[in-house]
């Protein structure tokens, strides 16, 4: 077991260059629109670089779940409205990535919840997907969210939830539900959100980015 842990740690050391500050969009199979919210991530990156001192690559790349390319990026972002399917090989690849130091943020854009939770349960059969407590630094990393995940768009009256998979006390996967963070990151003209609402979305996104790159 010790040899395995050492091997994982050694592997993780070489996954990301010391100064790597890049986010990639995760492309998946199943028919869901993995490409949703095209202006969201570039806007979040610009906000983070301007407000919290990150030096993220301004143009996020797209990587497939089963590709070795995911190991080049410390932060993967995934979104959509529909079905999500990971093959057994893709699950193994993504699990290895997450256990070796990577991080995945899945933002349910309303419609993918049940599909992606099924995949998460298969990805980590021995880990419970649990609601993240308000005392977690993800809610105070740069900006204070004392009530937790903000509500950006209302669809069905349910409260927003930040769900996570933890491995050795490290948050490796974050699933944001009933919030629509990504829509709040998009260009203002896309949804015509009030500036205060859009600001909350970007600040919460910045907390997630800061948690990954500054901890």
Protein backbone atom coordinates (compact mmCIF):
# COMPACT_ATOMS: atom_id res chain seq x y z
CA UNK A 1 0.00 0.00 0.00
CA UNK A 2 2.85 2.36 0.86
CA UNK A 3 4.47 1.66 -2.50
CA UNK A 4 1.18 2.46 -4.23
CA UNK A 5 0.84 5.77 -2.39
CA UNK A 6 4.41 6.71 -3.20
CA UNK A 7 3.81 5.86 -6.85
CA UNK A 8 0.68 8.02 -6.95
CA UNK A 9 2.48 10.93 -5.26
CA UNK A 10 5.41 10.59 -7.68
CA UNK A 11 3.00 10.53 -10.62
CA UNK A 12 1.08 13.55 -9.32
CA UNK A 13 4.31 15.52 -9.03
CA UNK A 14 4.81 15.25 -12.75
CA UNK A 15 1.22 15.84 -13.85
CA UNK A 16 1.25 19.61 -13.61
CA UNK A 17 4.21 21.95 -14.03
CA UNK A 18 4.84 24.00 -10.88
CA UNK A 19 3.44 27.15 -12.46
CA UNK A 20 0.59 25.46 -14.35
CA UNK A 21 -2.49 27.64 -14.17
CA UNK A 22 -4.84 26.31 -16.79
CA UNK A 23 -8.45 25.21 -16.89
CA UNK A 24 -9.84 22.86 -19.52
CA UNK A 25 -13.40 22.09 -20.58
CA UNK A 26 -14.29 18.40 -20.28
CA UNK A 27 -15.91 16.87 -23.35
CA UNK A 28 -18.06 13.82 -22.65
CA UNK A 29 -20.29 11.35 -24.47
CA UNK A 30 -23.98 10.62 -24.06
CA UNK A 31 -25.59 13.40 -26.07
CA UNK A 32 -25.44 16.15 -23.47
CA UNK A 33 -24.28 19.60 -24.58
CA UNK A 34 -20.81 19.67 -23.03
CA UNK A 35 -20.16 22.83 -25.08
CA UNK A 36 -22.87 24.89 -23.33
CA UNK A 37 -22.12 28.43 -22.10
CA UNK A 38 -19.23 29.18 -24.48
CA UNK A 39 -18.47 32.62 -22.98
CA UNK A 40 -18.66 31.48 -19.35
CA UNK A 41 -15.22 30.09 -18.65
CA UNK A 42 -13.28 32.80 -20.53
CA UNK A 43 -15.17 35.43 -18.53
CA UNK A 44 -14.47 33.65 -15.24
CA UNK A 45 -10.78 33.38 -16.13
CA UNK A 46 -10.64 37.08 -16.95
CA UNK A 47 -12.37 37.92 -13.65
CA UNK A 48 -9.94 35.76 -11.67
CA UNK A 49 -6.85 37.17 -13.37
CA UNK A 50 -8.09 40.71 -12.72
CA UNK A 51 -9.33 40.24 -9.15
CA UNK A 52 -7.56 37.43 -7.30
CA UNK A 53 -4.08 37.46 -8.81
CA UNK A 54 -4.21 34.28 -10.89
CA UNK A 55 -2.39 33.99 -14.19
CA UNK A 56 -4.69 31.59 -15.97
CA UNK A 57 -4.43 30.96 -19.67
CA UNK A 58 -7.18 33.14 -21.14
CA UNK A 59 -8.30 30.50 -23.65
CA UNK A 60 -9.47 27.24 -22.06
CA UNK A 61 -8.70 24.09 -24.01
CA UNK A 62 -11.12 21.20 -24.56
CA UNK A 63 -10.13 17.69 -23.50
CA UNK A 64 -11.93 14.35 -23.67
CA UNK A 65 -12.56 12.26 -20.57
CA UNK A 66 -10.52 9.32 -21.78
CA UNK A 67 -7.55 11.32 -23.03
CA UNK A 68 -4.18 11.53 -21.32
CA UNK A 69 -4.40 15.26 -22.04
CA UNK A 70 -6.49 15.77 -18.90
CA UNK A 71 -3.35 15.23 -16.83
CA UNK A 72 -1.95 18.51 -18.16
CA UNK A 73 -4.65 20.56 -16.46
CA UNK A 74 -5.05 21.00 -12.68
CA UNK A 75 -8.69 22.09 -13.12
CA UNK A 76 -11.37 20.55 -15.36
CA UNK A 77 -14.77 22.17 -15.84
CA UNK A 78 -17.84 20.30 -17.04
CA UNK A 79 -21.34 21.53 -17.76
CA UNK A 80 -24.46 20.87 -19.84
CA UNK A 81 -28.19 20.20 -19.77
CA UNK A 82 -28.49 16.52 -20.72
CA UNK A 83 -27.19 12.97 -20.68
CA UNK A 84 -23.69 12.03 -19.54
CA UNK A 85 -22.00 8.69 -20.23
CA UNK A 86 -18.49 7.63 -19.20
CA UNK A 87 -17.11 4.35 -20.52
CA UNK A 88 -15.25 2.08 -18.10
CA UNK A 89 -11.94 3.24 -19.61
CA UNK A 90 -12.95 6.89 -19.24
CA UNK A 91 -13.96 6.35 -15.61
CA UNK A 92 -10.62 4.76 -14.85
CA UNK A 93 -8.76 7.61 -16.55
CA UNK A 94 -10.76 10.30 -14.77
CA UNK A 95 -10.47 8.55 -11.40
CA UNK A 96 -6.69 8.31 -11.78
CA UNK A 97 -6.58 12.00 -12.67
CA UNK A 98 -8.58 13.03 -9.61
CA UNK A 99 -6.67 10.78 -7.22
CA UNK A 100 -3.37 12.09 -8.58
CA UNK A 101 -4.07 15.72 -7.74
CA UNK A 102 -6.61 16.87 -10.32
CA UNK A 103 -9.90 18.65 -9.68
CA UNK A 104 -13.25 18.51 -11.50
CA UNK A 105 -16.03 21.09 -11.21
CA UNK A 106 -19.35 19.95 -12.66
CA UNK A 107 -21.92 22.72 -13.01
CA UNK A 108 -25.41 21.40 -13.66
CA UNK A 109 -26.95 23.80 -16.12
CA UNK A 110 -30.33 22.26 -15.20
CA UNK A 111 -31.04 18.88 -16.80
CA UNK A 112 -27.89 16.80 -16.22
CA UNK A 113 -28.24 16.15 -12.49
CA UNK A 114 -29.54 12.57 -12.49
CA UNK A 115 -27.28 11.48 -15.33
CA UNK A 116 -24.08 12.87 -13.88
CA UNK A 117 -24.77 11.68 -10.33
CA UNK A 118 -25.09 8.15 -11.68
CA UNK A 119 -21.68 8.51 -13.32
CA UNK A 120 -20.13 9.97 -10.15
CA UNK A 121 -21.42 7.04 -8.09
CA UNK A 122 -19.78 4.63 -10.54
CA UNK A 123 -16.62 6.73 -10.60
CA UNK A 124 -16.31 6.62 -6.79
CA UNK A 125 -18.36 3.64 -5.56
CA UNK A 126 -16.77 3.79 -2.11
CA UNK A 127 -17.17 7.56 -1.60
CA UNK A 128 -20.44 9.29 -0.81
CA UNK A 129 -21.37 12.41 -2.72
CA UNK A 130 -21.95 14.74 0.22
CA UNK A 131 -23.11 18.29 0.70
CA UNK A 132 -20.19 20.59 1.45
CA UNK A 133 -20.39 22.34 4.80
CA UNK A 134 -20.57 26.11 5.09
CA UNK A 135 -17.26 26.09 6.95
CA UNK A 136 -15.41 24.76 3.92
CA UNK A 137 -12.90 27.29 2.49
CA UNK A 138 -14.55 27.14 -0.89
CA UNK A 139 -17.16 29.52 0.54
CA UNK A 140 -14.64 32.00 1.93
CA UNK A 141 -11.47 31.55 -0.12
CA UNK A 142 -11.60 35.05 -1.62
CA UNK A 143 -15.18 36.20 -1.16
CA UNK A 144 -17.57 35.44 1.68
CA UNK A 145 -20.63 33.28 1.01
CA UNK A 146 -21.91 32.65 4.52
CA UNK A 147 -25.10 31.03 3.19
CA UNK A 148 -23.27 28.78 0.76
CA UNK A 149 -23.74 28.49 -2.98
CA UNK A 150 -25.60 31.50 -4.44
CA UNK A 151 -28.77 31.17 -6.48
CA UNK A 152 -28.14 32.64 -9.93
CA UNK A 153 -31.17 31.43 -11.91
CA UNK A 154 -34.45 30.14 -10.54
CA UNK A 155 -36.04 27.16 -12.31
CA UNK A 156 -37.88 24.96 -9.85
CA UNK A 157 -37.77 26.54 -6.41
CA UNK A 158 -35.13 24.20 -5.01
CA UNK A 159 -32.25 25.50 -2.93
CA UNK A 160 -28.75 25.57 -4.43
CA UNK A 161 -26.36 22.84 -3.28
CA UNK A 162 -22.63 22.31 -3.49
CA UNK A 163 -21.95 18.58 -3.42
CA UNK A 164 -18.52 17.02 -3.24
CA UNK A 165 -16.39 13.90 -3.35
CA UNK A 166 -13.54 13.95 -0.83
CA UNK A 167 -10.45 11.79 -0.91
CA UNK A 168 -8.11 11.96 2.09
CA UNK A 169 -9.90 15.16 3.16
CA UNK A 170 -9.21 16.80 -0.21
CA UNK A 171 -12.15 17.97 -2.32
CA UNK A 172 -11.49 16.31 -5.68
CA UNK A 173 -14.90 16.75 -7.33
CA UNK A 174 -17.39 19.57 -6.91
CA UNK A 175 -20.95 19.33 -8.24
CA UNK A 176 -22.94 22.57 -8.14
CA UNK A 177 -26.72 22.08 -8.35
CA UNK A 178 -29.75 24.38 -8.55
CA UNK A 179 -27.54 27.44 -8.95
CA UNK A 180 -26.60 27.91 -12.62
CA UNK A 181 -23.21 29.44 -11.89
CA UNK A 182 -22.06 29.06 -15.50
CA UNK A 183 -24.97 31.09 -16.84
CA UNK A 184 -23.96 33.85 -14.45
CA UNK A 185 -20.44 33.82 -15.89
CA UNK A 186 -21.62 34.33 -19.45
CA UNK A 187 -21.54 37.63 -21.32
CA UNK A 188 -24.09 40.05 -19.77
CA UNK A 189 -26.17 40.17 -22.95
CA UNK A 190 -26.75 36.41 -22.98
CA UNK A 191 -29.11 36.27 -19.98
CA UNK A 192 -29.48 39.94 -19.03
CA UNK A 193 -28.77 39.13 -15.39
CA UNK A 194 -28.62 42.02 -12.91
CA UNK A 195 -25.02 43.03 -12.31
CA UNK A 196 -25.20 42.03 -8.65
CA UNK A 197 -26.31 38.49 -9.56
CA UNK A 198 -23.59 38.14 -12.17
CA UNK A 199 -21.04 39.43 -9.66
CA UNK A 200 -22.04 36.76 -7.15
CA UNK A 201 -21.63 34.06 -9.78
CA UNK A 202 -18.16 35.28 -10.74
CA UNK A 203 -17.07 35.66 -7.11
CA UNK A 204 -18.20 32.15 -6.26
CA UNK A 205 -16.41 30.87 -9.33
CA UNK A 206 -13.29 32.74 -8.23
CA UNK A 207 -13.48 31.00 -4.85
CA UNK A 208 -13.47 27.63 -6.60
CA UNK A 209 -10.52 28.63 -8.79
CA UNK A 210 -8.61 30.01 -5.81
CA UNK A 211 -9.22 26.83 -3.81
CA UNK A 212 -7.61 24.77 -6.58
CA UNK A 213 -4.69 27.02 -7.48
CA UNK A 214 -3.81 28.70 -4.20
CA UNK A 215 -4.12 25.89 -1.66
